[in-house]
Amino acid sequence: MLNIFTLVNGRLFQEEIESLEELSRFQPIWVDLEAPTLEEKRWVKQYYGLSIPEDAMDEDIEESARFYEEDNGDLHIRSDFLITDEDQPRSVRAAFILNLANDQLKSKGVLFSIHDEDLPVFRLLRMRARRAPGLIADAKEVLLKLFDADVEYCADRLESVYDELEKASKLVLSGEVTDELAGDVLAAIARQEDLNGRIRRNAMDTRRAVSFMMRSRMLGAEQFEEARQIMRDIDSLDGHTAFLFDKINFLMDATVGFININQNKIIKIFSVASVAFLPPTMIASLYGMNFEHMPELSQPWGYPFALGLMVLSAVVPMVYFHKKGWLRR
């Protein structure tokens, strides 16, 4: 899908392009290629003179090759964006190409973005730019606002992580925690730990991209200050993710502690039972010895006497344990 975005009265308007002729009618500041076809790539190359790199969306590209400037002045940035719409959060790579210096190409002043699927951050920026006039003035601000929206998206997701951890905390600290409930809580905590880690990684990736923009001296004074504010926001996200990791570790330890307590209760019952049945076992062992002279064996009351003695020796410890409260779970 090939979409272009033009500025009209300070607002960003979107047009879906279905032919090369349509592409030549507009003067966009942003060209967005979502899962582009070979034909759409040819349109971009033919009209703008820009070749989309074959490895633009590669996940295993070297880290040092994700941010660089070509000899013709094109800036290349590859950054990851978070998606949490489904149960399994994931990061999707987006490639950006920005020509700010080469006057011979029609791509000057146009931001090109390439990605495999629609991203929440892109949708958020499109919505804001349509509603807020003057939010974006050029292609550099499009890229900067995308990273700003990415940081805000991460902050929103961190709030959802905190809310889910609060629910888990109420379950863990409410009192009686069964093994089944503990298993559900551990699964929920593990999901939030994974999401928190992805948010932290995404924030780190955004920091690197914004830092590259600041070092490239492509930003004006106001844009540079906005980039610094984005960096400060990322620093605050780092502190919050660290706090959430501590909270996750605490809840993990507390939940595992309740599981251990439940297991200890079961072991305690078995221990008490084994001690309670030790005297009857000893009595049975005594009367099971093959000695010739055992007076009780020849008496008619010998058998009921032995049974009664074994029952009594089992009941007395059980009564004692009950008074001590050792039989309670």
C-alpha atoms as a PDB file:
ATOM      1  CA  MET A   1       0.000   0.000   0.000  1.00  0.00           C
ATOM      2  CA  LEU A   2       1.354   3.414  -1.002  1.00  0.00           C
ATOM      3  CA  ASN A   3       0.083   6.483   0.858  1.00  0.00           C
ATOM      4  CA  ILE A   4       1.249  10.056   0.532  1.00  0.00           C
ATOM      5  CA  PHE A   5       0.689  12.905   2.970  1.00  0.00           C
ATOM      6  CA  THR A   6       0.483  16.547   1.987  1.00  0.00           C
ATOM      7  CA  LEU A   7       0.237  19.702   4.052  1.00  0.00           C
ATOM      8  CA  VAL A   8      -2.917  21.737   3.480  1.00  0.00           C
ATOM      9  CA  ASN A   9      -3.510  24.757   5.719  1.00  0.00           C
ATOM     10  CA  GLY A  10      -1.178  23.299   8.320  1.00  0.00           C
ATOM     11  CA  ARG A  11      -2.953  19.943   8.413  1.00  0.00           C
ATOM     12  CA  LEU A  12      -1.709  16.592   7.167  1.00  0.00           C
ATOM     13  CA  PHE A  13      -3.935  14.957   4.557  1.00  0.00           C
ATOM     14  CA  GLN A  14      -3.625  11.389   3.324  1.00  0.00           C
ATOM     15  CA  GLU A  15      -4.017  10.124  -0.234  1.00  0.00           C
ATOM     16  CA  GLU A  16      -3.824   6.492  -1.308  1.00  0.00           C
ATOM     17  CA  ILE A  17      -1.885   6.138  -4.563  1.00  0.00           C
ATOM     18  CA  GLU A  18      -2.854   3.484  -7.093  1.00  0.00           C
ATOM     19  CA  SER A  19      -0.853   4.583 -10.148  1.00  0.00           C
ATOM     20  CA  LEU A  20       2.247   6.498 -11.171  1.00  0.00           C
ATOM     21  CA  GLU A  21       0.076   9.244 -12.662  1.00  0.00           C
ATOM     22  CA  GLU A  22      -1.601   9.841  -9.298  1.00  0.00           C
ATOM     23  CA  LEU A  23       1.795  10.060  -7.637  1.00  0.00           C
ATOM     24  CA  SER A  24       2.866  12.897  -9.926  1.00  0.00           C
ATOM     25  CA  ARG A  25      -0.129  15.065  -8.996  1.00  0.00           C
ATOM     26  CA  PHE A  26       0.923  15.735  -5.425  1.00  0.00           C
ATOM     27  CA  GLN A  27       3.797  17.386  -3.582  1.00  0.00           C
ATOM     28  CA  PRO A  28       3.922  15.356  -0.375  1.00  0.00           C
ATOM     29  CA  ILE A  29       6.177  15.707   2.628  1.00  0.00           C
ATOM     30  CA  TRP A  30       5.695  12.072   3.635  1.00  0.00           C
ATOM     31  CA  VAL A  31       5.463   8.944   1.497  1.00  0.00           C
ATOM     32  CA  ASP A  32       4.453   5.853   3.466  1.00  0.00           C
ATOM     33  CA  LEU A  33       4.907   2.378   1.993  1.00  0.00           C
ATOM     34  CA  GLU A  34       3.121  -0.332   3.957  1.00  0.00           C
ATOM     35  CA  ALA A  35       4.080  -3.813   2.738  1.00  0.00           C
ATOM     36  CA  PRO A  36       4.942  -2.276  -0.663  1.00  0.00           C
ATOM     37  CA  THR A  37       4.697  -4.256  -3.874  1.00  0.00           C
ATOM     38  CA  LEU A  38       7.447  -4.296  -6.488  1.00  0.00           C
ATOM     39  CA  GLU A  39       5.309  -2.060  -8.679  1.00  0.00           C
ATOM     40  CA  GLU A  40       4.946   0.552  -5.941  1.00  0.00           C
ATOM     41  CA  LYS A  41       8.703   0.509  -5.382  1.00  0.00           C
ATOM     42  CA  ARG A  42       9.199   1.093  -9.113  1.00  0.00           C
ATOM     43  CA  TRP A  43       6.854   4.096  -8.983  1.00  0.00           C
ATOM     44  CA  VAL A  44       8.901   5.618  -6.173  1.00  0.00           C
ATOM     45  CA  LYS A  45      12.164   4.995  -8.007  1.00  0.00           C
ATOM     46  CA  GLN A  46      10.823   6.301 -11.314  1.00  0.00           C
ATOM     47  CA  TYR A  47       9.296   9.488  -9.942  1.00  0.00           C
ATOM     48  CA  TYR A  48      11.534  10.350  -6.985  1.00  0.00           C
ATOM     49  CA  GLY A  49      14.750   8.658  -8.087  1.00  0.00           C
ATOM     50  CA  LEU A  50      14.863   6.768  -4.802  1.00  0.00           C
ATOM     51  CA  SER A  51      15.743   3.081  -4.640  1.00  0.00           C
ATOM     52  CA  ILE A  52      14.305   1.215  -1.664  1.00  0.00           C
ATOM     53  CA  PRO A  53      17.123  -0.934  -0.206  1.00  0.00           C
ATOM     54  CA  GLU A  54      16.476  -4.655  -0.356  1.00  0.00           C
ATOM     55  CA  ASP A  55      17.510  -5.033   3.284  1.00  0.00           C
ATOM     56  CA  ALA A  56      15.331  -2.157   4.495  1.00  0.00           C
ATOM     57  CA  MET A  57      13.182  -4.443   6.649  1.00  0.00           C
ATOM     58  CA  ASP A  58      15.799  -7.015   7.643  1.00  0.00           C
ATOM     59  CA  GLU A  59      15.690  -7.815  11.352  1.00  0.00           C
ATOM     60  CA  ASP A  60      19.225  -9.193  11.508  1.00  0.00           C
ATOM     61  CA  ILE A  61      20.951  -6.149  10.041  1.00  0.00           C
ATOM     62  CA  GLU A  62      24.022  -4.982  11.945  1.00  0.00           C
ATOM     63  CA  GLU A  63      23.297  -2.401  14.594  1.00  0.00           C
ATOM     64  CA  SER A  64      25.916  -0.042  13.173  1.00  0.00           C
ATOM     65  CA  ALA A  65      24.129  -0.040   9.786  1.00  0.00           C
ATOM     66  CA  ARG A  66      20.754   1.056  11.150  1.00  0.00           C
ATOM     67  CA  PHE A  67      21.619   4.766  11.321  1.00  0.00           C
ATOM     68  CA  TYR A  68      23.775   6.286   8.601  1.00  0.00           C
ATOM     69  CA  GLU A  69      24.018   9.003   5.946  1.00  0.00           C
ATOM     70  CA  GLU A  70      24.746   8.229   2.312  1.00  0.00           C
ATOM     71  CA  ASP A  71      27.067  10.217   0.057  1.00  0.00           C
ATOM     72  CA  ASN A  72      24.082  11.750  -1.745  1.00  0.00           C
ATOM     73  CA  GLY A  73      22.775  13.173   1.534  1.00  0.00           C
ATOM     74  CA  ASP A  74      20.042  10.616   2.229  1.00  0.00           C
ATOM     75  CA  LEU A  75      19.604   9.861   5.910  1.00  0.00           C
ATOM     76  CA  HIS A  76      18.708   6.245   6.721  1.00  0.00           C
ATOM     77  CA  ILE A  77      17.107   5.300  10.027  1.00  0.00           C
ATOM     78  CA  ARG A  78      15.783   1.873  10.958  1.00  0.00           C
ATOM     79  CA  SER A  79      13.796   1.803  14.159  1.00  0.00           C
ATOM     80  CA  ASP A  80      11.498  -0.667  15.915  1.00  0.00           C
ATOM     81  CA  PHE A  81       7.936   0.180  16.925  1.00  0.00           C
ATOM     82  CA  LEU A  82       5.858  -1.670  19.486  1.00  0.00           C
ATOM     83  CA  ILE A  83       2.511  -3.332  18.798  1.00  0.00           C
ATOM     84  CA  THR A  84       0.412  -4.532  21.740  1.00  0.00           C
ATOM     85  CA  ASP A  85      -2.974  -4.907  20.056  1.00  0.00           C
ATOM     86  CA  GLU A  86      -2.929  -8.688  20.444  1.00  0.00           C
ATOM     87  CA  ASP A  87      -2.175 -10.957  23.369  1.00  0.00           C
ATOM     88  CA  GLN A  88       1.382 -11.400  22.115  1.00  0.00           C
ATOM     89  CA  PRO A  89       3.215  -8.047  21.977  1.00  0.00           C
ATOM     90  CA  ARG A  90       5.851  -7.656  19.287  1.00  0.00           C
ATOM     91  CA  SER A  91       8.172  -5.143  17.675  1.00  0.00           C
ATOM     92  CA  VAL A  92       7.895  -4.212  14.002  1.00  0.00           C
ATOM     93  CA  ARG A  93      10.763  -2.580  12.166  1.00  0.00           C
ATOM     94  CA  ALA A  94      10.247   0.547  10.099  1.00  0.00           C
ATOM     95  CA  ALA A  95      12.826   2.067   7.760  1.00  0.00           C
ATOM     96  CA  PHE A  96      13.019   5.815   7.113  1.00  0.00           C
ATOM     97  CA  ILE A  97      14.816   7.630   4.304  1.00  0.00           C
ATOM     98  CA  LEU A  98      15.072  11.415   4.301  1.00  0.00           C
ATOM     99  CA  ASN A  99      16.755  13.576   1.656  1.00  0.00           C
ATOM    100  CA  LEU A 100      17.502  17.088   2.888  1.00  0.00           C
ATOM    101  CA  ALA A 101      20.427  18.132   0.703  1.00  0.00           C
ATOM    102  CA  ASN A 102      20.206  16.744  -2.832  1.00  0.00           C
ATOM    103  CA  ASP A 103      18.383  19.328  -4.970  1.00  0.00           C
ATOM    104  CA  GLN A 104      18.658  17.184  -8.094  1.00  0.00           C
ATOM    105  CA  LEU A 105      16.124  14.674  -6.794  1.00  0.00           C
ATOM    106  CA  LYS A 106      12.393  15.211  -6.361  1.00  0.00           C
ATOM    107  CA  SER A 107      12.707  13.382  -3.066  1.00  0.00           C
ATOM    108  CA  LYS A 108      14.270  16.406  -1.370  1.00  0.00           C
ATOM    109  CA  GLY A 109      12.291  17.340   1.699  1.00  0.00           C
ATOM    110  CA  VAL A 110      10.226  14.152   1.569  1.00  0.00           C
ATOM    111  CA  LEU A 111      10.250  11.489   4.267  1.00  0.00           C
ATOM    112  CA  PHE A 112       9.904   7.900   3.056  1.00  0.00           C
ATOM    113  CA  SER A 113       8.818   5.208   5.503  1.00  0.00           C
ATOM    114  CA  ILE A 114       8.723   1.479   4.786  1.00  0.00           C
ATOM    115  CA  HIS A 115       7.140  -1.112   7.066  1.00  0.00           C
ATOM    116  CA  ASP A 116       5.339  -4.448   6.780  1.00  0.00           C
ATOM    117  CA  GLU A 117       2.145  -3.637   8.693  1.00  0.00           C
ATOM    118  CA  ASP A 118       0.169  -0.707   9.995  1.00  0.00           C
ATOM    119  CA  LEU A 119       1.589   0.650  13.231  1.00  0.00           C
ATOM    120  CA  PRO A 120      -0.364   2.226  16.114  1.00  0.00           C
ATOM    121  CA  VAL A 121       2.144   5.079  16.331  1.00  0.00           C
ATOM    122  CA  PHE A 122       1.600   5.951  12.673  1.00  0.00           C
ATOM    123  CA  ARG A 123      -2.174   5.937  13.154  1.00  0.00           C
ATOM    124  CA  LEU A 124      -1.812   8.171  16.203  1.00  0.00           C
ATOM    125  CA  LEU A 125       0.272  10.729  14.315  1.00  0.00           C
ATOM    126  CA  ARG A 126      -2.091  10.756  11.328  1.00  0.00           C
ATOM    127  CA  MET A 127      -5.046  11.422  13.610  1.00  0.00           C
ATOM    128  CA  ARG A 128      -3.280  14.235  15.463  1.00  0.00           C
ATOM    129  CA  ALA A 129      -1.952  15.898  12.322  1.00  0.00           C
ATOM    130  CA  ARG A 130      -5.435  15.998  10.793  1.00  0.00           C
ATOM    131  CA  ARG A 131      -6.979  17.582  13.869  1.00  0.00           C
ATOM    132  CA  ALA A 132      -4.225  19.952  14.998  1.00  0.00           C
ATOM    133  CA  PRO A 133      -3.193  22.598  12.439  1.00  0.00           C
ATOM    134  CA  GLY A 134       0.428  23.651  12.583  1.00  0.00           C
ATOM    135  CA  LEU A 135       1.555  20.470  14.311  1.00  0.00           C
ATOM    136  CA  ILE A 136       3.819  19.547  11.392  1.00  0.00           C
ATOM    137  CA  ALA A 137       5.696  21.898   9.088  1.00  0.00           C
ATOM    138  CA  ASP A 138       8.109  19.664   7.180  1.00  0.00           C
ATOM    139  CA  ALA A 139       9.386  16.107   6.753  1.00  0.00           C
ATOM    140  CA  LYS A 140      11.813  16.389   9.668  1.00  0.00           C
ATOM    141  CA  GLU A 141       8.964  17.154  12.009  1.00  0.00           C
ATOM    142  CA  VAL A 142       7.027  14.151  10.704  1.00  0.00           C
ATOM    143  CA  LEU A 143       9.890  11.898  11.747  1.00  0.00           C
ATOM    144  CA  LEU A 144      10.355  13.699  15.043  1.00  0.00           C
ATOM    145  CA  LYS A 145       6.639  13.560  15.836  1.00  0.00           C
ATOM    146  CA  LEU A 146       6.613   9.835  15.057  1.00  0.00           C
ATOM    147  CA  PHE A 147       9.258   9.226  17.695  1.00  0.00           C
ATOM    148  CA  ASP A 148       7.430  11.536  20.091  1.00  0.00           C
ATOM    149  CA  ALA A 149       4.222   9.548  19.538  1.00  0.00           C
ATOM    150  CA  ASP A 150       6.192   6.336  20.011  1.00  0.00           C
ATOM    151  CA  VAL A 151       7.355   7.486  23.447  1.00  0.00           C
ATOM    152  CA  GLU A 152       3.800   8.434  24.386  1.00  0.00           C
ATOM    153  CA  TYR A 153       2.531   5.069  23.150  1.00  0.00           C
ATOM    154  CA  CYS A 154       5.111   3.338  25.344  1.00  0.00           C
ATOM    155  CA  ALA A 155       4.014   5.448  28.309  1.00  0.00           C
ATOM    156  CA  ASP A 156       0.388   4.414  27.758  1.00  0.00           C
ATOM    157  CA  ARG A 157       1.406   0.767  27.602  1.00  0.00           C
ATOM    158  CA  LEU A 158       3.369   1.156  30.834  1.00  0.00           C
ATOM    159  CA  GLU A 159       0.215   2.427  32.505  1.00  0.00           C
ATOM    160  CA  SER A 160      -1.615  -0.684  31.342  1.00  0.00           C
ATOM    161  CA  VAL A 161       1.218  -2.839  32.717  1.00  0.00           C
ATOM    162  CA  TYR A 162       0.902  -1.083  36.069  1.00  0.00           C
ATOM    163  CA  ASP A 163      -2.878  -1.605  36.094  1.00  0.00           C
ATOM    164  CA  GLU A 164      -2.489  -5.330  35.400  1.00  0.00           C
ATOM    165  CA  LEU A 165       0.139  -5.646  38.117  1.00  0.00           C
ATOM    166  CA  GLU A 166      -2.190  -3.894  40.550  1.00  0.00           C
ATOM    167  CA  LYS A 167      -4.853  -6.504  39.826  1.00  0.00           C
ATOM    168  CA  ALA A 168      -2.330  -9.277  40.415  1.00  0.00           C
ATOM    169  CA  SER A 169      -1.149  -7.570  43.600  1.00  0.00           C
ATOM    170  CA  LYS A 170      -4.676  -7.488  45.031  1.00  0.00           C
ATOM    171  CA  LEU A 171      -5.078 -11.208  44.342  1.00  0.00           C
ATOM    172  CA  VAL A 172      -1.740 -12.124  45.899  1.00  0.00           C
ATOM    173  CA  LEU A 173      -2.076  -9.936  48.979  1.00  0.00           C
ATOM    174  CA  SER A 174      -5.781 -10.527  49.572  1.00  0.00           C
ATOM    175  CA  GLY A 175      -5.239 -13.556  51.797  1.00  0.00           C
ATOM    176  CA  GLU A 176      -5.736 -17.192  50.872  1.00  0.00           C
ATOM    177  CA  VAL A 177      -3.971 -18.022  47.615  1.00  0.00           C
ATOM    178  CA  THR A 178      -4.662 -21.438  46.139  1.00  0.00           C
ATOM    179  CA  ASP A 179      -2.232 -23.196  43.834  1.00  0.00           C
ATOM    180  CA  GLU A 180      -4.583 -22.666  40.887  1.00  0.00           C
ATOM    181  CA  LEU A 181      -4.881 -18.951  41.599  1.00  0.00           C
ATOM    182  CA  ALA A 182      -1.125 -18.696  42.078  1.00  0.00           C
ATOM    183  CA  GLY A 183      -0.580 -20.306  38.673  1.00  0.00           C
ATOM    184  CA  ASP A 184      -2.898 -17.796  36.997  1.00  0.00           C
ATOM    185  CA  VAL A 185      -1.181 -14.906  38.763  1.00  0.00           C
ATOM    186  CA  LEU A 186       2.273 -16.117  37.733  1.00  0.00           C
ATOM    187  CA  ALA A 187       1.149 -16.369  34.104  1.00  0.00           C
ATOM    188  CA  ALA A 188      -0.260 -12.825  34.215  1.00  0.00           C
ATOM    189  CA  ILE A 189       2.902 -11.465  35.831  1.00  0.00           C
ATOM    190  CA  ALA A 190       5.072 -13.195  33.231  1.00  0.00           C
ATOM    191  CA  ARG A 191       3.087 -11.560  30.410  1.00  0.00           C
ATOM    192  CA  GLN A 192       3.520  -8.124  31.951  1.00  0.00           C
ATOM    193  CA  GLU A 193       7.225  -8.745  32.516  1.00  0.00           C
ATOM    194  CA  ASP A 194       7.630  -9.561  28.833  1.00  0.00           C
ATOM    195  CA  LEU A 195       5.705  -6.451  27.788  1.00  0.00           C
ATOM    196  CA  ASN A 196       7.678  -4.254  30.185  1.00  0.00           C
ATOM    197  CA  GLY A 197      10.925  -5.577  28.734  1.00  0.00           C
ATOM    198  CA  ARG A 198       9.760  -4.896  25.189  1.00  0.00           C
ATOM    199  CA  ILE A 199       8.770  -1.354  26.137  1.00  0.00           C
ATOM    200  CA  ARG A 200      12.193  -0.755  27.650  1.00  0.00           C
ATOM    201  CA  ARG A 201      13.906  -2.099  24.543  1.00  0.00           C
ATOM    202  CA  ASN A 202      11.676   0.004  22.298  1.00  0.00           C
ATOM    203  CA  ALA A 203      12.461   3.137  24.315  1.00  0.00           C
ATOM    204  CA  MET A 204      16.179   2.408  24.025  1.00  0.00           C
ATOM    205  CA  ASP A 205      15.832   2.023  20.249  1.00  0.00           C
ATOM    206  CA  THR A 206      13.935   5.317  20.002  1.00  0.00           C
ATOM    207  CA  ARG A 207      16.635   7.031  22.052  1.00  0.00           C
ATOM    208  CA  ARG A 208      19.269   5.893  19.565  1.00  0.00           C
ATOM    209  CA  ALA A 209      17.231   7.137  16.602  1.00  0.00           C
ATOM    210  CA  VAL A 210      16.560  10.562  18.137  1.00  0.00           C
ATOM    211  CA  SER A 211      20.193  10.836  19.199  1.00  0.00           C
ATOM    212  CA  PHE A 212      21.248  10.178  15.600  1.00  0.00           C
ATOM    213  CA  MET A 213      18.932  12.944  14.382  1.00  0.00           C
ATOM    214  CA  MET A 214      20.452  15.352  16.902  1.00  0.00           C
ATOM    215  CA  ARG A 215      24.009  14.457  15.908  1.00  0.00           C
ATOM    216  CA  SER A 216      23.259  14.807  12.190  1.00  0.00           C
ATOM    217  CA  ARG A 217      22.543  18.534  12.666  1.00  0.00           C
ATOM    218  CA  MET A 218      19.423  18.234  10.551  1.00  0.00           C
ATOM    219  CA  LEU A 219      17.174  19.847  13.153  1.00  0.00           C
ATOM    220  CA  GLY A 220      16.383  23.481  13.674  1.00  0.00           C
ATOM    221  CA  ALA A 221      16.612  25.126  17.072  1.00  0.00           C
ATOM    222  CA  GLU A 222      13.003  24.402  18.054  1.00  0.00           C
ATOM    223  CA  GLN A 223      13.171  20.878  16.665  1.00  0.00           C
ATOM    224  CA  PHE A 224      16.415  20.238  18.532  1.00  0.00           C
ATOM    225  CA  GLU A 225      14.776  21.330  21.775  1.00  0.00           C
ATOM    226  CA  GLU A 226      11.833  19.052  21.033  1.00  0.00           C
ATOM    227  CA  ALA A 227      14.265  16.184  20.473  1.00  0.00           C
ATOM    228  CA  ARG A 228      15.857  16.924  23.849  1.00  0.00           C
ATOM    229  CA  GLN A 229      12.412  16.784  25.450  1.00  0.00           C
ATOM    230  CA  ILE A 230      11.834  13.385  23.837  1.00  0.00           C
ATOM    231  CA  MET A 231      15.122  12.196  25.324  1.00  0.00           C
ATOM    232  CA  ARG A 232      14.032  13.415  28.763  1.00  0.00           C
ATOM    233  CA  ASP A 233      10.720  11.583  28.378  1.00  0.00           C
ATOM    234  CA  ILE A 234      12.598   8.397  27.499  1.00  0.00           C
ATOM    235  CA  ASP A 235      14.732   8.795  30.624  1.00  0.00           C
ATOM    236  CA  SER A 236      11.561   8.982  32.707  1.00  0.00           C
ATOM    237  CA  LEU A 237      10.282   5.823  30.992  1.00  0.00           C
ATOM    238  CA  ASP A 238      13.501   4.037  31.922  1.00  0.00           C
ATOM    239  CA  GLY A 239      12.967   4.875  35.567  1.00  0.00           C
ATOM    240  CA  HIS A 240       9.375   3.673  35.457  1.00  0.00           C
ATOM    241  CA  THR A 241      10.251   0.401  33.740  1.00  0.00           C
ATOM    242  CA  ALA A 242      12.885  -0.206  36.425  1.00  0.00           C
ATOM    243  CA  PHE A 243      10.232   0.389  39.102  1.00  0.00           C
ATOM    244  CA  LEU A 244       7.873  -2.043  37.373  1.00  0.00           C
ATOM    245  CA  PHE A 245      10.612  -4.679  37.167  1.00  0.00           C
ATOM    246  CA  ASP A 246      11.061  -4.374  40.940  1.00  0.00           C
ATOM    247  CA  LYS A 247       7.309  -4.690  41.450  1.00  0.00           C
ATOM    248  CA  ILE A 248       7.200  -7.723  39.171  1.00  0.00           C
ATOM    249  CA  ASN A 249      10.021  -9.393  41.106  1.00  0.00           C
ATOM    250  CA  PHE A 250       8.236  -8.709  44.394  1.00  0.00           C
ATOM    251  CA  LEU A 251       4.962 -10.186  43.129  1.00  0.00           C
ATOM    252  CA  MET A 252       6.811 -13.184  41.713  1.00  0.00           C
ATOM    253  CA  ASP A 253       8.523 -13.828  45.043  1.00  0.00           C
ATOM    254  CA  ALA A 254       5.279 -13.336  46.985  1.00  0.00           C
ATOM    255  CA  THR A 255       3.337 -15.707  44.732  1.00  0.00           C
ATOM    256  CA  VAL A 256       6.034 -18.373  44.859  1.00  0.00           C
ATOM    257  CA  GLY A 257       6.104 -17.900  48.633  1.00  0.00           C
ATOM    258  CA  PHE A 258       2.375 -18.682  48.865  1.00  0.00           C
ATOM    259  CA  ILE A 259       2.911 -21.785  46.728  1.00  0.00           C
ATOM    260  CA  ASN A 260       5.650 -22.911  49.116  1.00  0.00           C
ATOM    261  CA  ILE A 261       3.375 -22.267  52.097  1.00  0.00           C
ATOM    262  CA  ASN A 262       0.639 -24.414  50.545  1.00  0.00           C
ATOM    263  CA  GLN A 263       3.135 -27.186  49.901  1.00  0.00           C
ATOM    264  CA  ASN A 264       4.460 -26.938  53.455  1.00  0.00           C
ATOM    265  CA  LYS A 265       0.923 -27.325  54.795  1.00  0.00           C
ATOM    266  CA  ILE A 266       0.540 -30.578  52.895  1.00  0.00           C
ATOM    267  CA  ILE A 267       3.935 -31.818  54.045  1.00  0.00           C
ATOM    268  CA  LYS A 268       3.014 -30.901  57.637  1.00  0.00           C
ATOM    269  CA  ILE A 269      -0.107 -33.065  57.504  1.00  0.00           C
ATOM    270  CA  PHE A 270       1.879 -36.024  56.219  1.00  0.00           C
ATOM    271  CA  SER A 271       4.512 -35.462  58.903  1.00  0.00           C
ATOM    272  CA  VAL A 272       1.910 -35.323  61.675  1.00  0.00           C
ATOM    273  CA  ALA A 273       0.190 -38.440  60.339  1.00  0.00           C
ATOM    274  CA  SER A 274       3.453 -40.378  60.198  1.00  0.00           C
ATOM    275  CA  VAL A 275       4.272 -39.412  63.796  1.00  0.00           C
ATOM    276  CA  ALA A 276       0.743 -40.283  64.968  1.00  0.00           C
ATOM    277  CA  PHE A 277       0.919 -43.769  63.474  1.00  0.00           C
ATOM    278  CA  LEU A 278       4.397 -44.485  64.764  1.00  0.00           C
ATOM    279  CA  PRO A 279       3.252 -45.841  68.214  1.00  0.00           C
ATOM    280  CA  PRO A 280       0.701 -48.306  66.709  1.00  0.00           C
ATOM    281  CA  THR A 281       3.384 -49.490  64.317  1.00  0.00           C
ATOM    282  CA  MET A 282       5.760 -50.072  67.198  1.00  0.00           C
ATOM    283  CA  ILE A 283       3.110 -52.036  69.155  1.00  0.00           C
ATOM    284  CA  ALA A 284       2.312 -54.180  66.119  1.00  0.00           C
ATOM    285  CA  SER A 285       6.018 -54.820  65.657  1.00  0.00           C
ATOM    286  CA  LEU A 286       6.417 -55.913  69.281  1.00  0.00           C
ATOM    287  CA  TYR A 287       3.597 -58.441  69.098  1.00  0.00           C
ATOM    288  CA  GLY A 288       4.825 -59.652  65.765  1.00  0.00           C
ATOM    289  CA  MET A 289       8.118 -60.904  67.213  1.00  0.00           C
ATOM    290  CA  ASN A 290       8.525 -64.688  67.304  1.00  0.00           C
ATOM    291  CA  PHE A 291       9.398 -65.220  70.967  1.00  0.00           C
ATOM    292  CA  GLU A 292       8.223 -68.402  72.667  1.00  0.00           C
ATOM    293  CA  HIS A 293       7.085 -66.784  75.908  1.00  0.00           C
ATOM    294  CA  MET A 294       4.682 -63.874  75.216  1.00  0.00           C
ATOM    295  CA  PRO A 295       1.887 -64.164  77.846  1.00  0.00           C
ATOM    296  CA  GLU A 296      -0.675 -62.004  76.001  1.00  0.00           C
ATOM    297  CA  LEU A 297      -0.663 -64.253  72.950  1.00  0.00           C
ATOM    298  CA  SER A 298      -2.175 -67.162  74.854  1.00  0.00           C
ATOM    299  CA  GLN A 299      -4.876 -65.094  76.541  1.00  0.00           C
ATOM    300  CA  PRO A 300      -8.363 -64.739  74.995  1.00  0.00           C
ATOM    301  CA  TRP A 301      -8.244 -60.984  75.558  1.00  0.00           C
ATOM    302  CA  GLY A 302      -4.796 -60.638  73.961  1.00  0.00           C
ATOM    303  CA  TYR A 303      -5.969 -59.744  70.462  1.00  0.00           C
ATOM    304  CA  PRO A 304      -8.552 -57.074  71.439  1.00  0.00           C
ATOM    305  CA  PHE A 305      -6.065 -55.744  73.983  1.00  0.00           C
ATOM    306  CA  ALA A 306      -3.436 -55.243  71.274  1.00  0.00           C
ATOM    307  CA  LEU A 307      -5.951 -53.592  68.938  1.00  0.00           C
ATOM    308  CA  GLY A 308      -7.202 -51.278  71.668  1.00  0.00           C
ATOM    309  CA  LEU A 309      -3.666 -50.367  72.637  1.00  0.00           C
ATOM    310  CA  MET A 310      -2.811 -49.482  69.036  1.00  0.00           C
ATOM    311  CA  VAL A 311      -5.953 -47.356  68.653  1.00  0.00           C
ATOM    312  CA  LEU A 312      -5.271 -45.582  71.926  1.00  0.00           C
ATOM    313  CA  SER A 313      -1.642 -44.917  70.985  1.00  0.00           C
ATOM    314  CA  ALA A 314      -2.848 -43.339  67.723  1.00  0.00           C
ATOM    315  CA  VAL A 315      -5.681 -41.280  69.237  1.00  0.00           C
ATOM    316  CA  VAL A 316      -3.648 -39.736  72.054  1.00  0.00           C
ATOM    317  CA  PRO A 317      -1.063 -38.076  69.728  1.00  0.00           C
ATOM    318  CA  MET A 318      -3.827 -36.901  67.370  1.00  0.00           C
ATOM    319  CA  VAL A 319      -5.687 -35.246  70.266  1.00  0.00           C
ATOM    320  CA  TYR A 320      -2.461 -33.610  71.391  1.00  0.00           C
ATOM    321  CA  PHE A 321      -1.662 -32.365  67.872  1.00  0.00           C
ATOM    322  CA  HIS A 322      -5.194 -31.006  67.513  1.00  0.00           C
ATOM    323  CA  LYS A 323      -4.910 -29.010  70.740  1.00  0.00           C
ATOM    324  CA  LYS A 324      -1.604 -27.595  69.521  1.00  0.00           C
ATOM    325  CA  GLY A 325      -3.229 -26.574  66.235  1.00  0.00           C
ATOM    326  CA  TRP A 326      -0.821 -28.595  64.119  1.00  0.00           C
ATOM    327  CA  LEU A 327      -3.630 -30.219  62.122  1.00  0.00           C
ATOM    328  CA  ARG A 328      -4.974 -26.930  60.793  1.00  0.00           C
ATOM    329  CA  ARG A 329      -4.155 -25.933  57.206  1.00  0.00           C
END
